[in-house]
């Protein structure tokens, strides 16, 4: 297998999302760099983004707007869902 040449790059990330992801990567035993390299490998393998991306329909957009404003939102726990 050919040797992979590594390159340092700079990207702007959402700070909170990055910190949450780092905790998950730590639990998986991989680094942020490992995760990004896996993502890039999948992009190349699939010749595009390796997961479905859609523009939400009007009904979904309305639900998101309501949730963000606190309308029609009920508190729950995952234990409630799994019963």
N, C-alpha and C. Protein backbone atom coordinates (compact mmCIF):
# COMPACT_ATOMS: atom_id res chain seq x y z
N UNK A 1 0.85 -1.17 0.00
CA UNK A 1 0.00 0.00 0.00
C UNK A 1 0.90 1.24 0.00
N UNK A 2 0.58 2.24 -0.84
CA UNK A 2 1.42 3.44 -0.90
C UNK A 2 1.37 4.23 0.40
N UNK A 3 2.47 4.92 0.70
CA UNK A 3 2.55 5.74 1.89
C UNK A 3 1.73 7.01 1.67
N UNK A 4 0.93 7.35 2.67
CA UNK A 4 0.10 8.55 2.59
C UNK A 4 0.89 9.74 3.11
N UNK A 5 0.93 10.81 2.34
CA UNK A 5 1.60 12.03 2.76
C UNK A 5 0.59 12.88 3.51
N UNK A 6 0.93 13.26 4.72
CA UNK A 6 0.03 14.07 5.55
C UNK A 6 0.32 15.54 5.33
N UNK A 7 -0.73 16.36 5.45
CA UNK A 7 -0.62 17.79 5.24
C UNK A 7 -1.43 18.50 6.31
N UNK A 8 -0.88 19.55 6.87
CA UNK A 8 -1.60 20.35 7.86
C UNK A 8 -2.49 21.33 7.12
N UNK A 9 -3.72 21.47 7.62
CA UNK A 9 -4.66 22.41 7.01
C UNK A 9 -5.40 23.15 8.11
N UNK A 10 -6.04 24.23 7.76
CA UNK A 10 -6.77 25.03 8.73
C UNK A 10 -8.21 25.18 8.24
N UNK A 11 -9.16 24.86 9.13
CA UNK A 11 -10.57 25.01 8.80
C UNK A 11 -11.28 25.65 9.98
N UNK A 12 -12.36 26.34 9.72
CA UNK A 12 -13.17 26.94 10.78
C UNK A 12 -14.31 25.98 11.11
N UNK A 13 -14.43 25.66 12.41
CA UNK A 13 -15.45 24.72 12.87
C UNK A 13 -16.29 25.36 13.96
N UNK A 14 -17.51 24.89 14.09
CA UNK A 14 -18.37 25.28 15.20
C UNK A 14 -17.73 24.74 16.48
N UNK A 15 -17.41 25.64 17.41
CA UNK A 15 -16.66 25.26 18.61
C UNK A 15 -17.37 24.19 19.45
N UNK A 16 -18.67 24.38 19.69
CA UNK A 16 -19.41 23.42 20.53
C UNK A 16 -19.51 22.06 19.84
N UNK A 17 -19.79 22.06 18.55
CA UNK A 17 -19.89 20.80 17.81
C UNK A 17 -18.55 20.08 17.81
N UNK A 18 -17.47 20.83 17.67
CA UNK A 18 -16.12 20.24 17.67
C UNK A 18 -15.83 19.58 19.02
N UNK A 19 -16.13 20.28 20.10
CA UNK A 19 -15.85 19.74 21.44
C UNK A 19 -16.66 18.48 21.71
N UNK A 20 -17.93 18.47 21.29
CA UNK A 20 -18.76 17.27 21.48
C UNK A 20 -18.21 16.11 20.64
N UNK A 21 -17.82 16.41 19.42
CA UNK A 21 -17.29 15.37 18.54
C UNK A 21 -15.98 14.81 19.09
N UNK A 22 -15.13 15.68 19.64
CA UNK A 22 -13.86 15.21 20.20
C UNK A 22 -14.08 14.16 21.30
N UNK A 23 -15.13 14.35 22.10
CA UNK A 23 -15.44 13.38 23.15
C UNK A 23 -15.81 12.02 22.54
N UNK A 24 -16.57 12.06 21.47
CA UNK A 24 -16.97 10.82 20.79
C UNK A 24 -15.75 10.16 20.17
N UNK A 25 -14.90 10.94 19.50
CA UNK A 25 -13.69 10.38 18.89
C UNK A 25 -12.79 9.75 19.95
N UNK A 26 -12.68 10.41 21.11
CA UNK A 26 -11.86 9.87 22.19
C UNK A 26 -12.40 8.51 22.63
N UNK A 27 -13.71 8.41 22.75
CA UNK A 27 -14.33 7.15 23.14
C UNK A 27 -14.09 6.06 22.10
N UNK A 28 -14.03 6.48 20.83
CA UNK A 28 -13.76 5.53 19.74
C UNK A 28 -12.27 5.22 19.59
N UNK A 29 -11.42 5.97 20.28
CA UNK A 29 -9.99 5.75 20.20
C UNK A 29 -9.35 6.32 18.94
N UNK A 30 -9.96 7.38 18.39
CA UNK A 30 -9.40 8.01 17.20
C UNK A 30 -9.24 9.51 17.45
N UNK A 31 -8.43 10.15 16.63
CA UNK A 31 -8.22 11.59 16.74
C UNK A 31 -9.15 12.32 15.78
N UNK A 32 -9.20 13.62 15.96
CA UNK A 32 -9.97 14.46 15.03
C UNK A 32 -9.42 14.28 13.62
N UNK A 33 -8.10 14.24 13.49
CA UNK A 33 -7.47 14.03 12.18
C UNK A 33 -7.86 12.70 11.57
N UNK A 34 -7.88 11.63 12.40
CA UNK A 34 -8.31 10.32 11.91
C UNK A 34 -9.74 10.40 11.36
N UNK A 35 -10.62 11.07 12.11
CA UNK A 35 -12.02 11.18 11.70
C UNK A 35 -12.15 11.94 10.39
N UNK A 36 -11.43 13.03 10.25
CA UNK A 36 -11.50 13.79 9.01
C UNK A 36 -10.93 13.00 7.84
N UNK A 37 -9.85 12.25 8.08
CA UNK A 37 -9.30 11.43 7.01
C UNK A 37 -10.28 10.33 6.59
N UNK A 38 -11.02 9.76 7.55
CA UNK A 38 -12.04 8.77 7.21
C UNK A 38 -13.13 9.42 6.37
N UNK A 39 -13.55 10.63 6.76
CA UNK A 39 -14.57 11.35 6.00
C UNK A 39 -14.08 11.60 4.58
N UNK A 40 -12.85 12.09 4.43
CA UNK A 40 -12.31 12.36 3.09
C UNK A 40 -12.22 11.08 2.26
N UNK A 41 -11.84 9.97 2.87
CA UNK A 41 -11.78 8.69 2.16
C UNK A 41 -13.17 8.30 1.65
N UNK A 42 -14.19 8.51 2.48
CA UNK A 42 -15.56 8.18 2.08
C UNK A 42 -16.06 9.10 0.98
N UNK A 43 -15.68 10.38 1.03
CA UNK A 43 -16.04 11.32 -0.03
C UNK A 43 -15.46 10.82 -1.35
N UNK A 44 -14.19 10.42 -1.33
CA UNK A 44 -13.55 9.92 -2.55
C UNK A 44 -14.18 8.62 -3.02
N UNK A 45 -14.48 7.72 -2.10
CA UNK A 45 -15.09 6.44 -2.45
C UNK A 45 -16.46 6.63 -3.08
N UNK A 46 -17.26 7.52 -2.51
CA UNK A 46 -18.63 7.76 -2.98
C UNK A 46 -18.72 8.81 -4.09
N UNK A 47 -17.60 9.48 -4.34
CA UNK A 47 -17.59 10.58 -5.31
C UNK A 47 -18.60 11.67 -4.94
N UNK A 48 -18.70 11.95 -3.66
CA UNK A 48 -19.61 12.98 -3.15
C UNK A 48 -19.72 12.86 -1.64
N UNK A 49 -20.61 13.63 -1.07
CA UNK A 49 -20.84 13.56 0.37
C UNK A 49 -21.37 12.16 0.70
N UNK A 50 -20.79 11.48 1.69
CA UNK A 50 -21.15 10.07 1.94
C UNK A 50 -22.43 9.86 2.75
N UNK A 51 -23.29 10.85 2.78
CA UNK A 51 -24.58 10.70 3.43
C UNK A 51 -25.56 11.64 2.72
N UNK A 52 -26.83 11.35 2.87
CA UNK A 52 -27.86 12.11 2.17
C UNK A 52 -28.03 13.49 2.78
N UNK A 53 -28.08 14.49 1.94
CA UNK A 53 -28.33 15.87 2.36
C UNK A 53 -29.54 16.36 1.56
N UNK A 54 -30.55 16.83 2.28
CA UNK A 54 -31.76 17.31 1.63
C UNK A 54 -32.14 18.67 2.16
N UNK A 55 -32.78 19.45 1.32
CA UNK A 55 -33.38 20.70 1.75
C UNK A 55 -34.74 20.33 2.35
N UNK A 56 -35.00 20.73 3.60
CA UNK A 56 -36.26 20.34 4.22
C UNK A 56 -37.47 20.93 3.50
N UNK A 57 -38.58 20.19 3.54
CA UNK A 57 -39.82 20.70 2.93
C UNK A 57 -40.43 21.75 3.85
N UNK A 58 -41.48 22.39 3.38
CA UNK A 58 -42.10 23.49 4.14
C UNK A 58 -42.60 23.04 5.51
N UNK A 59 -43.17 21.85 5.60
CA UNK A 59 -43.69 21.36 6.89
C UNK A 59 -42.55 21.17 7.89
N UNK A 60 -41.44 20.61 7.43
CA UNK A 60 -40.29 20.42 8.32
C UNK A 60 -39.71 21.76 8.75
N UNK A 61 -39.62 22.70 7.82
CA UNK A 61 -39.11 24.03 8.15
C UNK A 61 -39.98 24.68 9.23
N UNK A 62 -41.29 24.52 9.13
CA UNK A 62 -42.21 25.09 10.11
C UNK A 62 -42.00 24.46 11.49
N UNK A 63 -41.85 23.15 11.53
CA UNK A 63 -41.62 22.45 12.80
C UNK A 63 -40.32 22.92 13.43
N UNK A 64 -39.28 23.09 12.63
CA UNK A 64 -37.99 23.56 13.15
C UNK A 64 -38.14 24.97 13.71
N UNK A 65 -38.82 25.85 12.97
CA UNK A 65 -39.03 27.23 13.46
C UNK A 65 -39.77 27.21 14.79
N UNK A 66 -40.81 26.39 14.89
CA UNK A 66 -41.58 26.31 16.14
C UNK A 66 -40.73 25.77 17.28
N UNK A 67 -39.96 24.74 17.00
CA UNK A 67 -39.12 24.16 18.05
C UNK A 67 -38.09 25.17 18.54
N UNK A 68 -37.50 25.91 17.62
CA UNK A 68 -36.50 26.91 18.01
C UNK A 68 -37.10 28.03 18.84
N UNK A 69 -38.38 28.31 18.63
CA UNK A 69 -39.04 29.36 19.41
C UNK A 69 -39.73 28.80 20.66
N UNK A 70 -39.61 27.49 20.88
CA UNK A 70 -40.18 26.87 22.07
C UNK A 70 -41.64 26.48 21.95
N UNK A 71 -42.21 26.56 20.76
CA UNK A 71 -43.61 26.19 20.56
C UNK A 71 -43.72 24.69 20.28
N UNK A 72 -44.80 24.09 20.80
CA UNK A 72 -45.10 22.67 20.54
C UNK A 72 -43.95 21.74 20.91
N UNK A 73 -43.25 22.08 21.97
CA UNK A 73 -42.11 21.27 22.41
C UNK A 73 -42.42 20.72 23.80
N UNK A 74 -42.25 19.42 23.95
CA UNK A 74 -42.46 18.79 25.24
C UNK A 74 -41.14 18.19 25.71
N UNK A 75 -40.86 18.31 27.00
CA UNK A 75 -39.67 17.68 27.53
C UNK A 75 -39.89 16.19 27.65
N UNK A 76 -38.84 15.41 27.41
CA UNK A 76 -38.90 13.96 27.52
C UNK A 76 -37.52 13.45 27.84
N UNK A 77 -37.46 12.20 28.25
CA UNK A 77 -36.17 11.55 28.47
C UNK A 77 -36.09 10.37 27.52
N UNK A 78 -34.90 9.91 27.26
CA UNK A 78 -34.74 8.76 26.39
C UNK A 78 -35.34 7.51 27.03
N UNK A 79 -35.39 7.49 28.36
CA UNK A 79 -36.05 6.36 29.03
C UNK A 79 -37.54 6.32 28.68
N UNK A 80 -38.16 7.51 28.55
CA UNK A 80 -39.58 7.56 28.16
C UNK A 80 -39.78 6.96 26.77
N UNK A 81 -38.87 7.24 25.88
CA UNK A 81 -38.98 6.76 24.50
C UNK A 81 -38.79 5.27 24.41
N UNK A 82 -37.88 4.73 25.20
CA UNK A 82 -37.52 3.31 25.12
C UNK A 82 -38.47 2.38 25.86
N UNK A 83 -39.56 2.88 26.39
CA UNK A 83 -40.48 2.03 27.13
C UNK A 83 -41.43 1.32 26.22
